[in-house]
Structures are given as structure tokens and as C-alpha cells.
Amino acid sequence: MEFLSPRDSFRFNTEPNIGWRVATRPTLAADGPSFDDPTETAHYRDVIQLDGSDRKRLTSWVQGADGTWKQFMQAEYTRVK
């Protein structure tokens, strides 16, 4: 598995001991079944916004047939101390 950074075109490998650069907005890109037609494939991406060590936001996007990206989900996580 690898993370793609939207700010630069670096790839972040998640294999242990390979050494990968830490980004504040790593992006996971994947293909999967389309929401509109499960027999078709769509492009998806999850953007993880890291806000310090106690907060992060996950935003999920799908690419439409017209090529535009549409947000369909967002979750915010806060560490409880």
C-alpha cells in the first residue's frame, strides 16, 4: 500500500523499515465499484489531514464521469487525553 501526496508527487510506501517521508495530507488512491453502476469502476481517494498529534480529518472523494472530484464523506477524529 502507498500514500500519494497532493502537494508533491511523492509516493509514501507503508512497508515497515523502508523509510517514508511524513506528510501532513497523505492521500490514499484506489479504484472500486461505482456508486451509480456497480458493474463499472470508479476512482476514489481518501485525504487525511493531520492537525498536530491529537486531531485528524478524513475526507473521501469519488471521481465522476465528467472527471470532477466530488466529496461524499468527512470524519474528524480527536484524541481524548
Protein backbone atom coordinates (compact mmCIF):
# COMPACT_ATOMS: atom_id res chain seq x y z
CA MET A 1 0.00 0.00 0.00
CA GLU A 2 1.22 3.52 -0.65
CA PHE A 3 0.09 7.06 0.07
CA LEU A 4 0.19 9.80 -2.57
CA SER A 5 0.81 13.38 -1.54
CA PRO A 6 -1.37 16.00 -3.29
CA ARG A 7 1.20 18.77 -2.68
CA ASP A 8 4.00 16.95 -4.42
CA SER A 9 4.09 13.81 -6.43
CA PHE A 10 5.92 11.73 -3.82
CA ARG A 11 4.73 8.22 -3.09
CA PHE A 12 4.67 7.08 0.51
CA ASN A 13 5.30 3.39 0.95
CA THR A 14 3.77 1.93 4.10
CA GLU A 15 6.01 -1.14 4.19
CA PRO A 16 7.89 -1.26 7.51
CA ASN A 17 11.55 -0.21 7.64
CA ILE A 18 11.55 1.25 4.13
CA GLY A 19 11.56 4.84 5.36
CA TRP A 20 8.91 7.17 4.02
CA ARG A 21 8.52 10.91 4.21
CA VAL A 22 5.87 12.17 6.64
CA ALA A 23 3.22 14.37 5.02
CA THR A 24 0.51 16.50 6.63
CA ARG A 25 -2.04 15.44 3.98
CA PRO A 26 -1.31 11.92 2.76
CA THR A 27 -3.75 10.62 0.16
CA LEU A 28 -4.82 7.05 -0.47
CA ALA A 29 -5.96 6.42 -4.07
CA ALA A 30 -7.95 3.35 -5.12
CA ASP A 31 -10.34 2.03 -7.74
CA GLY A 32 -13.59 0.33 -6.76
CA PRO A 33 -17.21 -0.25 -7.76
CA SER A 34 -19.06 2.85 -8.93
CA PHE A 35 -21.89 4.17 -6.75
CA ASP A 36 -24.00 4.69 -9.87
CA ASP A 37 -23.37 1.33 -11.55
CA PRO A 38 -21.68 -1.48 -9.56
CA THR A 39 -20.61 -3.16 -12.82
CA GLU A 40 -18.42 -0.10 -13.57
CA THR A 41 -15.23 1.01 -11.81
CA ALA A 42 -14.69 4.46 -10.30
CA HIS A 43 -11.62 6.28 -8.92
CA TYR A 44 -11.65 7.07 -5.20
CA ARG A 45 -9.31 8.98 -2.92
CA ASP A 46 -9.12 9.49 0.83
CA VAL A 47 -7.29 12.58 2.06
CA ILE A 48 -6.06 12.51 5.64
CA GLN A 49 -5.42 15.96 7.13
CA LEU A 50 -3.12 15.72 10.16
CA ASP A 51 -3.63 18.63 12.57
CA GLY A 52 -0.98 18.07 15.22
CA SER A 53 -0.73 14.86 17.19
CA ASP A 54 -4.28 14.97 18.57
CA ARG A 55 -6.52 15.68 15.56
CA LYS A 56 -7.03 14.34 12.07
CA ARG A 57 -9.69 14.67 9.38
CA LEU A 58 -10.50 12.03 6.77
CA THR A 59 -12.23 13.24 3.60
CA SER A 60 -13.37 10.78 0.91
CA TRP A 61 -13.85 11.68 -2.76
CA VAL A 62 -15.08 9.92 -5.89
CA GLN A 63 -14.32 10.97 -9.47
CA GLY A 64 -17.44 11.43 -11.59
CA ALA A 65 -17.91 10.51 -15.25
CA ASP A 66 -17.19 14.16 -16.16
CA GLY A 67 -13.78 13.95 -14.45
CA THR A 68 -14.60 16.16 -11.46
CA TRP A 69 -13.98 15.01 -7.90
CA LYS A 70 -16.96 15.02 -5.52
CA GLN A 71 -16.70 14.75 -1.74
CA PHE A 72 -19.03 12.12 -0.28
CA MET A 73 -17.79 11.72 3.30
CA GLN A 74 -15.86 13.51 6.02
CA ALA A 75 -14.90 12.36 9.52
CA GLU A 76 -12.97 14.17 12.24
CA TYR A 77 -11.01 12.38 14.94
CA THR A 78 -9.80 13.87 18.23
CA ARG A 79 -7.59 12.08 20.73
CA VAL A 80 -9.06 12.11 24.24
CA LYS A 81 -6.44 12.62 26.94
